Amino acid sequence: MTFETANHAVTHKLVDRSTMHHELDSLVHDLSVRHNTPKSNIAVHASGPSTFTLSLNHGEANLETVNL
């Protein structure tokens, strides 16, 4: 996992896809707490095979709810 402070983003590569939901939920929670923002302000993007980037959503984009 990497953390980039310039744009407040976390990139995480999943090792075990069976834990994807738990890991992503945990990362969203941690980033939310770290930046004192609601979970709804955290954007999650697939950035590669089994790799996800989580970042603060500063209102630039509308987020859609996706059921995995």
Protein backbone atom coordinates (compact mmCIF):
# COMPACT_ATOMS: atom_id res chain seq x y z
CA MET A 1 0.00 0.00 0.00
CA THR A 2 1.24 3.49 -0.80
CA PHE A 3 0.04 6.81 0.56
CA GLU A 4 0.49 9.97 -1.46
CA THR A 5 0.12 13.12 0.63
CA ALA A 6 0.01 15.59 -2.28
CA ASN A 7 -3.42 14.45 -3.45
CA HIS A 8 -4.43 12.50 -0.33
CA ALA A 9 -4.60 9.17 -2.14
CA VAL A 10 -4.00 5.58 -1.09
CA THR A 11 -3.16 2.88 -3.62
CA HIS A 12 -3.71 -0.68 -2.47
CA LYS A 13 -3.04 -3.98 -4.25
CA LEU A 14 -5.25 -6.85 -3.13
CA VAL A 15 -3.44 -10.08 -2.39
CA ASP A 16 -6.56 -12.15 -1.68
CA ARG A 17 -9.62 -11.20 -3.75
CA SER A 18 -11.90 -12.99 -1.28
CA THR A 19 -11.21 -10.20 1.24
CA MET A 20 -11.78 -7.35 -1.25
CA HIS A 21 -14.92 -5.95 0.38
CA HIS A 22 -13.46 -6.04 3.87
CA GLU A 23 -10.13 -4.50 2.84
CA LEU A 24 -11.69 -1.69 0.80
CA ASP A 25 -14.22 -0.89 3.52
CA SER A 26 -11.41 -0.76 6.08
CA LEU A 27 -9.32 1.53 3.86
CA VAL A 28 -12.28 3.86 3.24
CA HIS A 29 -12.91 4.03 6.99
CA ASP A 30 -9.24 4.73 7.79
CA LEU A 31 -8.93 7.46 5.15
CA SER A 32 -12.21 9.00 6.31
CA VAL A 33 -11.03 9.15 9.92
CA ARG A 34 -7.55 10.39 8.99
CA HIS A 35 -9.01 13.33 7.05
CA ASN A 36 -12.08 13.89 9.24
CA THR A 37 -14.47 13.51 6.33
CA PRO A 38 -17.54 11.33 5.74
CA LYS A 39 -17.06 8.01 3.96
CA SER A 40 -19.18 9.37 1.13
CA ASN A 41 -16.32 11.79 0.33
CA ILE A 42 -13.91 8.95 -0.46
CA ALA A 43 -13.63 7.92 -4.11
CA VAL A 44 -12.53 4.38 -5.01
CA HIS A 45 -11.12 3.67 -8.47
CA ALA A 46 -9.81 0.47 -10.01
CA SER A 47 -6.30 1.50 -11.08
CA GLY A 48 -4.94 -1.83 -12.28
CA PRO A 49 -5.33 -5.56 -11.91
CA SER A 50 -6.39 -6.14 -8.30
CA THR A 51 -5.27 -2.57 -7.52
CA PHE A 52 -7.48 0.20 -6.20
CA THR A 53 -6.80 3.88 -5.54
CA LEU A 54 -8.78 5.64 -2.83
CA SER A 55 -8.78 9.43 -2.72
CA LEU A 56 -10.62 12.34 -1.20
CA ASN A 57 -13.48 13.51 -3.37
CA HIS A 58 -13.54 17.29 -3.13
CA GLY A 59 -16.80 17.58 -5.06
CA GLU A 60 -15.18 17.47 -8.49
CA ALA A 61 -17.10 14.37 -9.55
CA ASN A 62 -20.38 12.75 -8.77
CA LEU A 63 -19.92 9.34 -7.21
CA GLU A 64 -22.13 6.46 -8.19
CA THR A 65 -23.06 3.66 -5.83
CA VAL A 66 -21.78 0.34 -7.08
CA ASN A 67 -22.71 -3.00 -5.56
CA LEU A 68 -19.82 -5.43 -5.90
